[in-house]
């Protein structure tokens, strides 16, 4: 018996959520005219998917992509491979000292990825954040994009905050608790709202040179 809500599996699911958001909040309708169809952005669940998200913590997209490429080339996709590589092998593919520690902790953890998929969003996030190196953002991104949950919103993400400030013409970038409160109105499609704001951030970045 599963204990979660709607699952995003196909582009039609994202489209359905986008249509609902556009009807519920007119600003999303305007956003979608600028972004076009929203991407599915799903990644396979499991150790490799979670490790990829840890790599992306607090680094530029270009830096994360470079490390991902070296990780693939070195075939470091499993717990066993990461443990065998050790500190020296992870450093060689570009891991920082903290991320070497987090990757090795994750590789040694007995996290049951199948059981995780049967949990509620809240319980899955709680289990993930019990692991050193996995904070709320990492856990929420995993639940959104590796588990396909439709109603998760990573309120601590800077890009989402900047996009929301521009879209809703706010006087300042909303703090995590403020944007989380805003996002309640976008349930049960908060994960699609996040996709929309990520896409809108890219529009803004291209248009205005935002960092």
N, C-alpha and C. Protein backbone atom coordinates (compact mmCIF):
# COMPACT_ATOMS: atom_id res chain seq x y z
N UNK A 1 0.86 -1.20 0.00
CA UNK A 1 0.00 0.00 0.00
C UNK A 1 0.89 1.24 0.00
N UNK A 2 0.77 2.04 -1.03
CA UNK A 2 1.58 3.26 -1.09
C UNK A 2 0.90 4.37 -0.30
N UNK A 3 1.71 5.35 0.07
CA UNK A 3 1.20 6.43 0.92
C UNK A 3 1.56 7.78 0.32
N UNK A 4 1.49 7.86 -1.00
CA UNK A 4 1.82 9.11 -1.65
C UNK A 4 0.72 9.50 -2.63
N UNK A 5 0.82 10.71 -3.15
CA UNK A 5 -0.20 11.21 -4.06
C UNK A 5 0.17 10.99 -5.51
N UNK A 6 -0.17 11.97 -6.31
CA UNK A 6 0.02 11.89 -7.76
C UNK A 6 1.50 11.74 -8.14
N UNK A 7 1.75 10.91 -9.16
CA UNK A 7 3.10 10.69 -9.65
C UNK A 7 3.22 11.22 -11.07
N UNK A 8 4.30 11.94 -11.33
CA UNK A 8 4.58 12.43 -12.68
C UNK A 8 5.46 11.39 -13.38
N UNK A 9 4.96 10.87 -14.50
CA UNK A 9 5.69 9.85 -15.25
C UNK A 9 5.95 10.26 -16.69
N UNK A 10 5.03 11.03 -17.27
CA UNK A 10 5.09 11.33 -18.69
C UNK A 10 4.91 12.83 -18.93
N UNK A 11 5.30 13.31 -20.12
CA UNK A 11 5.09 14.74 -20.43
C UNK A 11 3.63 15.18 -20.28
N UNK A 12 2.69 14.29 -20.54
CA UNK A 12 1.27 14.66 -20.42
C UNK A 12 0.92 15.01 -18.98
N UNK A 13 1.63 14.39 -18.02
CA UNK A 13 1.38 14.72 -16.61
C UNK A 13 1.81 16.15 -16.30
N UNK A 14 2.98 16.52 -16.83
CA UNK A 14 3.46 17.90 -16.64
C UNK A 14 2.52 18.88 -17.32
N UNK A 15 2.06 18.52 -18.51
CA UNK A 15 1.13 19.38 -19.25
C UNK A 15 -0.16 19.58 -18.47
N UNK A 16 -0.67 18.50 -17.88
CA UNK A 16 -1.89 18.60 -17.07
C UNK A 16 -1.69 19.55 -15.91
N UNK A 17 -0.55 19.41 -15.22
CA UNK A 17 -0.27 20.29 -14.10
C UNK A 17 -0.13 21.74 -14.53
N UNK A 18 0.52 21.96 -15.67
CA UNK A 18 0.71 23.32 -16.19
C UNK A 18 -0.64 23.95 -16.54
N UNK A 19 -1.53 23.17 -17.12
CA UNK A 19 -2.86 23.69 -17.46
C UNK A 19 -3.63 24.07 -16.20
N UNK A 20 -3.51 23.24 -15.18
CA UNK A 20 -4.19 23.53 -13.92
C UNK A 20 -3.63 24.82 -13.31
N UNK A 21 -2.31 24.97 -13.31
CA UNK A 21 -1.69 26.17 -12.75
C UNK A 21 -2.11 27.42 -13.51
N UNK A 22 -2.17 27.31 -14.84
CA UNK A 22 -2.55 28.46 -15.67
C UNK A 22 -3.98 28.92 -15.38
N UNK A 23 -4.86 27.96 -15.10
CA UNK A 23 -6.25 28.30 -14.77
C UNK A 23 -6.37 28.85 -13.35
N UNK A 24 -5.52 28.34 -12.46
CA UNK A 24 -5.59 28.73 -11.05
C UNK A 24 -4.93 30.08 -10.78
N UNK A 25 -3.81 30.33 -11.47
CA UNK A 25 -3.04 31.57 -11.26
C UNK A 25 -2.68 32.16 -12.63
N UNK A 26 -3.34 33.28 -13.02
CA UNK A 26 -3.11 33.85 -14.35
C UNK A 26 -1.65 34.16 -14.66
N UNK A 27 -0.84 34.43 -13.64
CA UNK A 27 0.57 34.74 -13.91
C UNK A 27 1.31 33.52 -14.46
N UNK A 28 0.87 32.34 -14.07
CA UNK A 28 1.48 31.14 -14.65
C UNK A 28 1.10 31.01 -16.13
N UNK A 29 -0.08 31.46 -16.48
CA UNK A 29 -0.47 31.44 -17.89
C UNK A 29 0.45 32.34 -18.70
N UNK A 30 0.77 33.50 -18.15
CA UNK A 30 1.69 34.42 -18.83
C UNK A 30 3.10 33.83 -18.89
N UNK A 31 3.50 33.21 -17.80
CA UNK A 31 4.82 32.56 -17.75
C UNK A 31 4.95 31.53 -18.85
N UNK A 32 3.95 30.68 -18.99
CA UNK A 32 4.01 29.58 -19.95
C UNK A 32 4.07 30.07 -21.40
N UNK A 33 3.55 31.26 -21.65
CA UNK A 33 3.68 31.84 -23.00
C UNK A 33 5.15 32.14 -23.30
N UNK A 34 5.92 32.45 -22.27
CA UNK A 34 7.33 32.78 -22.46
C UNK A 34 8.24 31.55 -22.45
N UNK A 35 7.87 30.54 -21.65
CA UNK A 35 8.74 29.37 -21.51
C UNK A 35 8.44 28.28 -22.53
N UNK A 36 7.20 28.23 -22.99
CA UNK A 36 6.79 27.10 -23.82
C UNK A 36 6.56 25.88 -22.94
N UNK A 37 6.36 24.70 -23.55
CA UNK A 37 6.09 23.48 -22.78
C UNK A 37 7.19 23.20 -21.76
N UNK A 38 6.79 22.76 -20.59
CA UNK A 38 7.75 22.51 -19.51
C UNK A 38 8.38 21.13 -19.67
N UNK A 39 9.65 20.98 -19.30
CA UNK A 39 10.33 19.69 -19.45
C UNK A 39 9.90 18.69 -18.38
N UNK A 40 10.01 17.42 -18.71
CA UNK A 40 9.70 16.36 -17.77
C UNK A 40 10.74 16.31 -16.65
N UNK A 41 12.01 16.34 -17.04
CA UNK A 41 13.15 16.43 -16.11
C UNK A 41 13.28 15.25 -15.15
N UNK A 42 12.71 14.11 -15.48
CA UNK A 42 12.85 12.96 -14.58
C UNK A 42 14.20 12.29 -14.74
N UNK A 43 14.72 11.79 -13.62
CA UNK A 43 15.97 11.03 -13.61
C UNK A 43 15.70 9.69 -12.93
N UNK A 44 16.46 8.64 -13.27
CA UNK A 44 16.25 7.34 -12.62
C UNK A 44 16.47 7.43 -11.12
N UNK A 45 15.62 6.77 -10.32
CA UNK A 45 15.82 6.74 -8.87
C UNK A 45 16.97 5.83 -8.51
N UNK A 46 17.49 5.99 -7.31
CA UNK A 46 18.55 5.12 -6.83
C UNK A 46 19.80 5.89 -6.44
N UNK A 47 20.83 5.16 -6.13
CA UNK A 47 22.08 5.75 -5.64
C UNK A 47 22.66 6.78 -6.61
N UNK A 48 22.75 6.42 -7.89
CA UNK A 48 23.37 7.32 -8.88
C UNK A 48 22.58 8.63 -8.99
N UNK A 49 21.26 8.55 -8.99
CA UNK A 49 20.44 9.76 -9.08
C UNK A 49 20.66 10.68 -7.90
N UNK A 50 20.75 10.10 -6.71
CA UNK A 50 20.96 10.91 -5.50
C UNK A 50 22.37 11.49 -5.47
N UNK A 51 23.35 10.70 -5.90
CA UNK A 51 24.72 11.21 -5.97
C UNK A 51 24.83 12.38 -6.94
N UNK A 52 24.15 12.28 -8.07
CA UNK A 52 24.16 13.37 -9.05
C UNK A 52 23.63 14.67 -8.45
N UNK A 53 22.60 14.56 -7.62
CA UNK A 53 22.03 15.76 -6.99
C UNK A 53 23.00 16.34 -5.97
N UNK A 54 23.66 15.48 -5.22
CA UNK A 54 24.67 15.96 -4.26
C UNK A 54 25.77 16.71 -5.00
N UNK A 55 26.18 16.20 -6.15
CA UNK A 55 27.20 16.88 -6.95
C UNK A 55 26.75 18.29 -7.32
N UNK A 56 25.45 18.45 -7.58
CA UNK A 56 24.91 19.74 -8.04
C UNK A 56 24.72 20.76 -6.92
N UNK A 57 24.92 20.37 -5.68
CA UNK A 57 24.73 21.29 -4.55
C UNK A 57 25.70 22.47 -4.66
N UNK A 58 25.14 23.68 -4.68
CA UNK A 58 25.92 24.91 -4.53
C UNK A 58 27.08 25.05 -5.51
N UNK A 59 26.91 24.54 -6.72
CA UNK A 59 27.91 24.78 -7.78
C UNK A 59 27.17 25.19 -9.04
N UNK A 60 27.89 25.78 -9.98
CA UNK A 60 27.27 26.17 -11.24
C UNK A 60 26.89 24.93 -12.04
N UNK A 61 25.97 25.12 -12.98
CA UNK A 61 25.55 24.02 -13.85
C UNK A 61 26.75 23.48 -14.63
N UNK A 62 27.61 24.40 -15.10
CA UNK A 62 28.78 23.99 -15.88
C UNK A 62 29.72 23.12 -15.05
N UNK A 63 29.96 23.53 -13.80
CA UNK A 63 30.83 22.75 -12.92
C UNK A 63 30.24 21.37 -12.62
N UNK A 64 28.94 21.34 -12.33
CA UNK A 64 28.28 20.07 -12.05
C UNK A 64 28.33 19.15 -13.26
N UNK A 65 28.09 19.71 -14.45
CA UNK A 65 28.13 18.90 -15.67
C UNK A 65 29.52 18.32 -15.92
N UNK A 66 30.54 19.10 -15.63
CA UNK A 66 31.92 18.62 -15.82
C UNK A 66 32.22 17.45 -14.89
N UNK A 67 31.77 17.55 -13.63
CA UNK A 67 31.99 16.45 -12.68
C UNK A 67 31.18 15.23 -13.09
N UNK A 68 29.93 15.46 -13.52
CA UNK A 68 29.09 14.34 -13.97
C UNK A 68 29.77 13.59 -15.12
N UNK A 69 30.34 14.34 -16.06
CA UNK A 69 31.00 13.72 -17.22
C UNK A 69 32.19 12.87 -16.78
N UNK A 70 32.98 13.40 -15.84
CA UNK A 70 34.15 12.64 -15.36
C UNK A 70 33.72 11.42 -14.56
N UNK A 71 32.61 11.56 -13.84
CA UNK A 71 32.06 10.44 -13.06
C UNK A 71 31.63 9.31 -13.99
N UNK A 72 30.97 9.68 -15.09
CA UNK A 72 30.55 8.68 -16.09
C UNK A 72 31.77 8.00 -16.71
N UNK A 73 32.75 8.80 -17.06
CA UNK A 73 33.95 8.27 -17.71
C UNK A 73 34.69 7.29 -16.79
N UNK A 74 34.67 7.59 -15.49
CA UNK A 74 35.32 6.71 -14.52
C UNK A 74 34.42 5.55 -14.08
N UNK A 75 33.17 5.55 -14.58
CA UNK A 75 32.18 4.50 -14.28
C UNK A 75 31.90 4.39 -12.78
N UNK A 76 31.80 5.56 -12.13
CA UNK A 76 31.49 5.59 -10.70
C UNK A 76 29.98 5.80 -10.53
N UNK A 77 29.22 4.72 -10.75
CA UNK A 77 27.76 4.82 -10.75
C UNK A 77 27.11 4.03 -9.62
N UNK A 78 27.88 3.23 -8.93
CA UNK A 78 27.31 2.38 -7.89
C UNK A 78 27.99 2.64 -6.55
N UNK A 79 27.33 2.19 -5.48
CA UNK A 79 27.93 2.29 -4.15
C UNK A 79 29.30 1.64 -4.13
N UNK A 80 29.36 0.43 -4.71
CA UNK A 80 30.59 -0.35 -4.68
C UNK A 80 31.73 0.38 -5.39
N UNK A 81 31.41 0.98 -6.54
CA UNK A 81 32.44 1.69 -7.31
C UNK A 81 32.93 2.92 -6.57
N UNK A 82 32.02 3.64 -5.93
CA UNK A 82 32.39 4.84 -5.18
C UNK A 82 33.26 4.46 -3.98
N UNK A 83 32.88 3.41 -3.26
CA UNK A 83 33.68 2.98 -2.11
C UNK A 83 35.05 2.50 -2.55
N UNK A 84 35.10 1.81 -3.69
CA UNK A 84 36.38 1.33 -4.20
C UNK A 84 37.28 2.49 -4.63
N UNK A 85 36.67 3.53 -5.20
CA UNK A 85 37.44 4.70 -5.64
C UNK A 85 38.03 5.44 -4.45
N UNK A 86 37.25 5.52 -3.36
CA UNK A 86 37.72 6.18 -2.15
C UNK A 86 37.97 7.67 -2.34
N UNK A 87 38.60 8.27 -1.36
CA UNK A 87 38.84 9.71 -1.40
C UNK A 87 39.66 10.13 -2.61
N UNK A 88 40.70 9.38 -2.90
CA UNK A 88 41.60 9.74 -4.00
C UNK A 88 40.87 9.69 -5.34
N UNK A 89 40.09 8.66 -5.57
CA UNK A 89 39.37 8.51 -6.83
C UNK A 89 38.31 9.58 -7.02
N UNK A 90 37.61 9.94 -5.94
CA UNK A 90 36.59 10.98 -6.02
C UNK A 90 37.22 12.36 -6.21
N UNK A 91 38.33 12.59 -5.57
CA UNK A 91 39.04 13.86 -5.77
C UNK A 91 39.49 14.01 -7.23
N UNK A 92 39.88 12.89 -7.82
CA UNK A 92 40.37 12.91 -9.21
C UNK A 92 39.28 13.30 -10.21
N UNK A 93 38.02 13.05 -9.87
CA UNK A 93 36.94 13.42 -10.80
C UNK A 93 36.32 14.78 -10.44
N UNK A 94 36.90 15.46 -9.42
CA UNK A 94 36.48 16.83 -9.15
C UNK A 94 35.66 17.05 -7.90
N UNK A 95 35.49 16.03 -7.07
CA UNK A 95 34.73 16.21 -5.84
C UNK A 95 35.49 17.10 -4.86
N UNK A 96 34.78 18.01 -4.21
CA UNK A 96 35.38 18.80 -3.14
C UNK A 96 35.51 17.91 -1.90
N UNK A 97 36.27 18.40 -0.92
CA UNK A 97 36.46 17.61 0.30
C UNK A 97 35.13 17.27 0.99
N UNK A 98 34.21 18.26 1.17
CA UNK A 98 32.93 17.90 1.80
C UNK A 98 32.13 16.88 0.99
N UNK A 99 32.15 17.02 -0.34
CA UNK A 99 31.35 16.11 -1.16
C UNK A 99 31.97 14.71 -1.24
N UNK A 100 33.28 14.63 -1.09
CA UNK A 100 33.91 13.31 -0.96
C UNK A 100 33.34 12.62 0.27
N UNK A 101 33.28 13.37 1.36
CA UNK A 101 32.76 12.82 2.62
C UNK A 101 31.30 12.40 2.46
N UNK A 102 30.48 13.26 1.84
CA UNK A 102 29.06 12.96 1.69
C UNK A 102 28.84 11.75 0.78
N UNK A 103 29.62 11.66 -0.30
CA UNK A 103 29.47 10.54 -1.23
C UNK A 103 29.81 9.22 -0.55
N UNK A 104 30.86 9.21 0.25
CA UNK A 104 31.25 7.98 0.93
C UNK A 104 30.26 7.60 2.03
N UNK A 105 29.71 8.60 2.72
CA UNK A 105 28.68 8.34 3.73
C UNK A 105 27.44 7.73 3.06
N UNK A 106 27.05 8.32 1.92
CA UNK A 106 25.88 7.80 1.19
C UNK A 106 26.11 6.37 0.72
N UNK A 107 27.31 6.11 0.23
CA UNK A 107 27.63 4.77 -0.28
C UNK A 107 27.60 3.72 0.83
N UNK A 108 27.88 4.14 2.07
CA UNK A 108 27.89 3.20 3.19
C UNK A 108 26.51 3.08 3.85
N UNK A 109 25.60 3.99 3.54
CA UNK A 109 24.28 3.99 4.18
C UNK A 109 23.42 2.85 3.65
N UNK A 110 22.55 2.33 4.49
CA UNK A 110 21.68 1.22 4.08
C UNK A 110 20.34 1.71 3.53
N UNK A 111 20.32 2.87 2.92
CA UNK A 111 19.10 3.44 2.36
C UNK A 111 18.45 2.45 1.39
N UNK A 112 17.18 2.15 1.62
CA UNK A 112 16.40 1.25 0.77
C UNK A 112 15.62 2.11 -0.23
N UNK A 113 16.12 2.20 -1.45
CA UNK A 113 15.52 3.09 -2.45
C UNK A 113 14.12 2.62 -2.86
N UNK A 114 13.90 1.32 -2.85
CA UNK A 114 12.56 0.81 -3.19
C UNK A 114 11.56 1.20 -2.10
N UNK A 115 11.94 1.01 -0.84
CA UNK A 115 11.06 1.37 0.27
C UNK A 115 10.76 2.87 0.26
N UNK A 116 11.75 3.65 -0.14
CA UNK A 116 11.58 5.10 -0.20
C UNK A 116 10.44 5.47 -1.14
N UNK A 117 10.32 4.75 -2.24
CA UNK A 117 9.29 5.04 -3.24
C UNK A 117 7.89 4.75 -2.73
N UNK A 118 7.77 3.99 -1.67
CA UNK A 118 6.46 3.65 -1.10
C UNK A 118 6.06 4.62 0.01
N UNK A 119 6.98 5.49 0.42
CA UNK A 119 6.71 6.42 1.51
C UNK A 119 5.97 7.66 1.03
N UNK A 120 5.37 8.36 1.98
CA UNK A 120 4.82 9.68 1.68
C UNK A 120 5.96 10.63 1.36
N UNK A 121 5.65 11.77 0.75
CA UNK A 121 6.67 12.78 0.46
C UNK A 121 7.42 13.16 1.74
N UNK A 122 6.66 13.43 2.79
CA UNK A 122 7.26 13.89 4.04
C UNK A 122 8.19 12.84 4.65
N UNK A 123 7.74 11.58 4.64
CA UNK A 123 8.56 10.52 5.22
C UNK A 123 9.81 10.26 4.38
N UNK A 124 9.66 10.33 3.06
CA UNK A 124 10.83 10.12 2.18
C UNK A 124 11.86 11.21 2.41
N UNK A 125 11.40 12.45 2.52
CA UNK A 125 12.31 13.58 2.76
C UNK A 125 12.97 13.44 4.13
N UNK A 126 12.20 13.01 5.12
CA UNK A 126 12.76 12.81 6.46
C UNK A 126 13.84 11.74 6.45
N UNK A 127 13.60 10.63 5.74
CA UNK A 127 14.61 9.55 5.68
C UNK A 127 15.86 10.04 4.96
N UNK A 128 15.69 10.76 3.87
CA UNK A 128 16.84 11.25 3.11
C UNK A 128 17.67 12.24 3.92
N UNK A 129 17.01 13.14 4.61
CA UNK A 129 17.75 14.17 5.36
C UNK A 129 18.37 13.61 6.64
N UNK A 130 18.08 12.35 6.96
CA UNK A 130 18.76 11.72 8.12
C UNK A 130 20.19 11.35 7.76
N UNK A 131 20.53 11.42 6.46
CA UNK A 131 21.87 11.07 5.99
C UNK A 131 22.72 12.33 5.93
N UNK A 132 23.89 12.30 6.52
CA UNK A 132 24.80 13.46 6.52
C UNK A 132 25.11 13.87 5.08
N UNK A 133 24.96 15.17 4.80
CA UNK A 133 25.24 15.69 3.47
C UNK A 133 23.99 15.87 2.62
N UNK A 134 22.86 15.38 3.10
CA UNK A 134 21.60 15.54 2.38
C UNK A 134 20.71 16.47 3.18
N UNK A 135 20.56 17.70 2.69
CA UNK A 135 19.69 18.67 3.33
C UNK A 135 18.33 18.67 2.67
N UNK A 136 17.44 19.57 3.09
CA UNK A 136 16.09 19.61 2.53
C UNK A 136 16.07 19.79 1.01
N UNK A 137 16.93 20.67 0.47
CA UNK A 137 16.92 20.90 -0.98
C UNK A 137 17.25 19.62 -1.74
N UNK A 138 18.32 18.94 -1.35
CA UNK A 138 18.72 17.71 -2.02
C UNK A 138 17.61 16.66 -1.95
N UNK A 139 17.03 16.52 -0.77
CA UNK A 139 15.96 15.54 -0.59
C UNK A 139 14.74 15.88 -1.44
N UNK A 140 14.35 17.15 -1.45
CA UNK A 140 13.18 17.57 -2.23
C UNK A 140 13.42 17.39 -3.72
N UNK A 141 14.61 17.73 -4.20
CA UNK A 141 14.92 17.55 -5.62
C UNK A 141 14.88 16.07 -6.00
N UNK A 142 15.39 15.21 -5.12
CA UNK A 142 15.34 13.77 -5.40
C UNK A 142 13.89 13.28 -5.47
N UNK A 143 13.08 13.70 -4.50
CA UNK A 143 11.68 13.26 -4.46
C UNK A 143 10.92 13.78 -5.68
N UNK A 144 11.24 14.99 -6.10
CA UNK A 144 10.59 15.57 -7.29
C UNK A 144 10.99 14.87 -8.58
N UNK A 145 12.30 14.78 -8.81
CA UNK A 145 12.79 14.41 -10.13
C UNK A 145 13.21 12.95 -10.27
N UNK A 146 13.50 12.28 -9.17
CA UNK A 146 13.84 10.85 -9.24
C UNK A 146 12.66 9.96 -8.84
N UNK A 147 11.77 10.48 -8.01
CA UNK A 147 10.60 9.71 -7.59
C UNK A 147 9.33 10.20 -8.28
N UNK A 148 9.41 11.34 -8.96
CA UNK A 148 8.28 11.81 -9.74
C UNK A 148 7.11 12.37 -8.96
N UNK A 149 7.35 12.76 -7.72
CA UNK A 149 6.23 13.28 -6.91
C UNK A 149 5.77 14.64 -7.46
N UNK A 150 4.46 14.83 -7.48
CA UNK A 150 3.87 15.98 -8.16
C UNK A 150 3.68 17.20 -7.28
N UNK A 151 3.81 17.03 -5.96
CA UNK A 151 3.43 18.13 -5.07
C UNK A 151 4.52 18.47 -4.06
N UNK A 152 5.74 18.64 -4.57
CA UNK A 152 6.90 18.99 -3.73
C UNK A 152 7.48 20.30 -4.25
N UNK A 153 7.90 21.16 -3.33
CA UNK A 153 8.43 22.47 -3.74
C UNK A 153 9.67 22.79 -2.92
N UNK A 154 10.87 22.85 -3.56
CA UNK A 154 12.11 23.15 -2.84
C UNK A 154 12.25 24.65 -2.57
N UNK A 155 11.64 25.10 -1.50
CA UNK A 155 11.53 26.53 -1.22
C UNK A 155 12.87 27.22 -1.00
N UNK A 156 13.91 26.46 -0.68
CA UNK A 156 15.21 27.06 -0.46
C UNK A 156 16.01 27.31 -1.72
N UNK A 157 15.46 26.99 -2.88
CA UNK A 157 16.19 27.15 -4.13
C UNK A 157 16.21 28.62 -4.56
N UNK A 158 17.41 29.16 -4.76
CA UNK A 158 17.57 30.57 -5.10
C UNK A 158 16.90 30.91 -6.43
N UNK A 159 17.03 30.03 -7.42
CA UNK A 159 16.44 30.31 -8.74
C UNK A 159 14.93 30.44 -8.63
N UNK A 160 14.30 29.59 -7.84
CA UNK A 160 12.84 29.67 -7.67
C UNK A 160 12.44 30.98 -6.98
N UNK A 161 13.24 31.38 -6.01
CA UNK A 161 12.94 32.63 -5.30
C UNK A 161 13.05 33.84 -6.23
N UNK A 162 14.10 33.87 -7.04
CA UNK A 162 14.30 34.98 -7.97
C UNK A 162 13.19 35.00 -9.01
N UNK A 163 12.84 33.84 -9.54
CA UNK A 163 11.78 33.77 -10.55
C UNK A 163 10.44 34.21 -9.97
N UNK A 164 10.15 33.80 -8.74
CA UNK A 164 8.89 34.19 -8.11
C UNK A 164 8.85 35.69 -7.85
N UNK A 165 9.99 36.27 -7.45
CA UNK A 165 10.03 37.71 -7.23
C UNK A 165 9.66 38.47 -8.49
N UNK A 166 10.22 38.04 -9.63
CA UNK A 166 9.93 38.72 -10.89
C UNK A 166 8.51 38.44 -11.36
N UNK A 167 8.08 37.20 -11.29
CA UNK A 167 6.77 36.83 -11.81
C UNK A 167 5.65 37.54 -11.04
N UNK A 168 5.79 37.61 -9.72
CA UNK A 168 4.73 38.19 -8.89
C UNK A 168 5.03 39.64 -8.51
N UNK A 169 6.08 40.21 -9.10
CA UNK A 169 6.45 41.62 -8.89
C UNK A 169 6.57 41.95 -7.41
N UNK A 170 7.32 41.12 -6.70
CA UNK A 170 7.52 41.31 -5.27
C UNK A 170 8.63 42.33 -5.03
N UNK A 171 8.56 43.08 -3.94
CA UNK A 171 9.59 44.10 -3.67
C UNK A 171 10.96 43.51 -3.34
N UNK A 172 10.99 42.26 -2.89
CA UNK A 172 12.26 41.61 -2.54
C UNK A 172 12.15 40.13 -2.83
N UNK A 173 13.29 39.49 -2.94
CA UNK A 173 13.29 38.04 -3.16
C UNK A 173 12.67 37.36 -1.94
N UNK A 174 11.65 36.53 -2.14
CA UNK A 174 10.98 35.90 -1.00
C UNK A 174 11.90 34.93 -0.28
N UNK A 175 11.81 34.91 1.02
CA UNK A 175 12.56 33.96 1.84
C UNK A 175 11.92 32.57 1.71
N UNK A 176 12.67 31.52 2.06
CA UNK A 176 12.13 30.17 1.90
C UNK A 176 10.74 29.97 2.52
N UNK A 177 10.55 30.49 3.74
CA UNK A 177 9.24 30.30 4.37
C UNK A 177 8.15 31.08 3.65
N UNK A 178 8.51 32.22 3.07
CA UNK A 178 7.53 33.04 2.34
C UNK A 178 7.12 32.37 1.03
N UNK A 179 8.08 31.84 0.28
CA UNK A 179 7.73 31.20 -0.99
C UNK A 179 7.04 29.85 -0.75
N UNK A 180 7.39 29.20 0.36
CA UNK A 180 6.70 27.96 0.71
C UNK A 180 5.23 28.25 1.00
N UNK A 181 4.96 29.38 1.65
CA UNK A 181 3.58 29.77 1.93
C UNK A 181 2.84 30.08 0.62
N UNK A 182 3.50 30.79 -0.29
CA UNK A 182 2.91 31.08 -1.59
C UNK A 182 2.57 29.78 -2.33
N UNK A 183 3.49 28.83 -2.25
CA UNK A 183 3.36 27.59 -3.02
C UNK A 183 2.19 26.73 -2.56
N UNK A 184 1.68 26.96 -1.37
CA UNK A 184 0.52 26.18 -0.91
C UNK A 184 -0.66 26.33 -1.86
N UNK A 185 -0.76 27.50 -2.50
CA UNK A 185 -1.85 27.74 -3.44
C UNK A 185 -1.68 26.95 -4.73
N UNK A 186 -0.49 26.39 -4.95
CA UNK A 186 -0.20 25.65 -6.19
C UNK A 186 -0.31 24.15 -6.00
N UNK A 187 -0.70 23.72 -4.81
CA UNK A 187 -0.95 22.30 -4.56
C UNK A 187 -2.26 21.90 -5.25
N UNK A 188 -2.33 20.74 -5.89
CA UNK A 188 -1.47 19.55 -5.79
C UNK A 188 -0.40 19.44 -6.87
N UNK A 189 -0.02 20.58 -7.48
CA UNK A 189 0.95 20.55 -8.58
C UNK A 189 2.18 21.42 -8.29
N UNK A 190 2.64 21.41 -7.05
CA UNK A 190 3.77 22.27 -6.71
C UNK A 190 5.06 21.88 -7.45
N UNK A 191 5.22 20.61 -7.77
CA UNK A 191 6.41 20.20 -8.53
C UNK A 191 6.39 20.76 -9.94
N UNK A 192 5.21 20.91 -10.51
CA UNK A 192 5.10 21.52 -11.85
C UNK A 192 5.30 23.04 -11.73
N UNK A 193 4.80 23.63 -10.65
CA UNK A 193 5.05 25.06 -10.42
C UNK A 193 6.56 25.31 -10.32
N UNK A 194 7.28 24.40 -9.65
CA UNK A 194 8.74 24.53 -9.56
C UNK A 194 9.37 24.42 -10.94
N UNK A 195 8.93 23.47 -11.75
CA UNK A 195 9.44 23.35 -13.13
C UNK A 195 9.20 24.64 -13.90
N UNK A 196 8.00 25.21 -13.71
CA UNK A 196 7.65 26.45 -14.41
C UNK A 196 8.57 27.59 -13.99
N UNK A 197 8.82 27.71 -12.70
CA UNK A 197 9.67 28.79 -12.21
C UNK A 197 11.13 28.57 -12.59
N UNK A 198 11.59 27.33 -12.61
CA UNK A 198 12.94 27.04 -13.11
C UNK A 198 13.07 27.48 -14.56
N UNK A 199 12.06 27.16 -15.37
CA UNK A 199 12.08 27.53 -16.79
C UNK A 199 12.03 29.05 -16.94
N UNK A 200 11.24 29.70 -16.11
CA UNK A 200 11.12 31.16 -16.17
C UNK A 200 12.43 31.83 -15.74
N UNK A 201 13.11 31.22 -14.76
CA UNK A 201 14.41 31.75 -14.34
C UNK A 201 15.39 31.75 -15.51
N UNK A 202 15.37 30.69 -16.31
CA UNK A 202 16.25 30.64 -17.47
C UNK A 202 15.90 31.72 -18.48
N UNK A 203 14.61 32.00 -18.65
CA UNK A 203 14.18 33.10 -19.52
C UNK A 203 14.73 34.42 -19.00
N UNK A 204 14.58 34.64 -17.70
CA UNK A 204 15.08 35.88 -17.09
C UNK A 204 16.58 36.00 -17.22
N UNK A 205 17.27 34.90 -17.00
CA UNK A 205 18.73 34.90 -17.06
C UNK A 205 19.21 35.27 -18.46
N UNK A 206 18.57 34.72 -19.46
CA UNK A 206 18.94 35.03 -20.84
C UNK A 206 18.59 36.47 -21.21
N UNK A 207 17.49 36.95 -20.65
CA UNK A 207 17.01 38.28 -21.01
C UNK A 207 17.73 39.39 -20.25
N UNK A 208 18.02 39.13 -18.98
CA UNK A 208 18.51 40.21 -18.12
C UNK A 208 19.90 39.94 -17.56
N UNK A 209 20.48 38.81 -17.91
CA UNK A 209 21.84 38.51 -17.44
C UNK A 209 21.90 38.25 -15.95
N UNK A 210 20.85 37.64 -15.41
CA UNK A 210 20.87 37.33 -13.98
C UNK A 210 21.90 36.26 -13.69
N UNK A 211 22.53 36.35 -12.52
CA UNK A 211 23.49 35.33 -12.12
C UNK A 211 22.82 34.16 -11.45
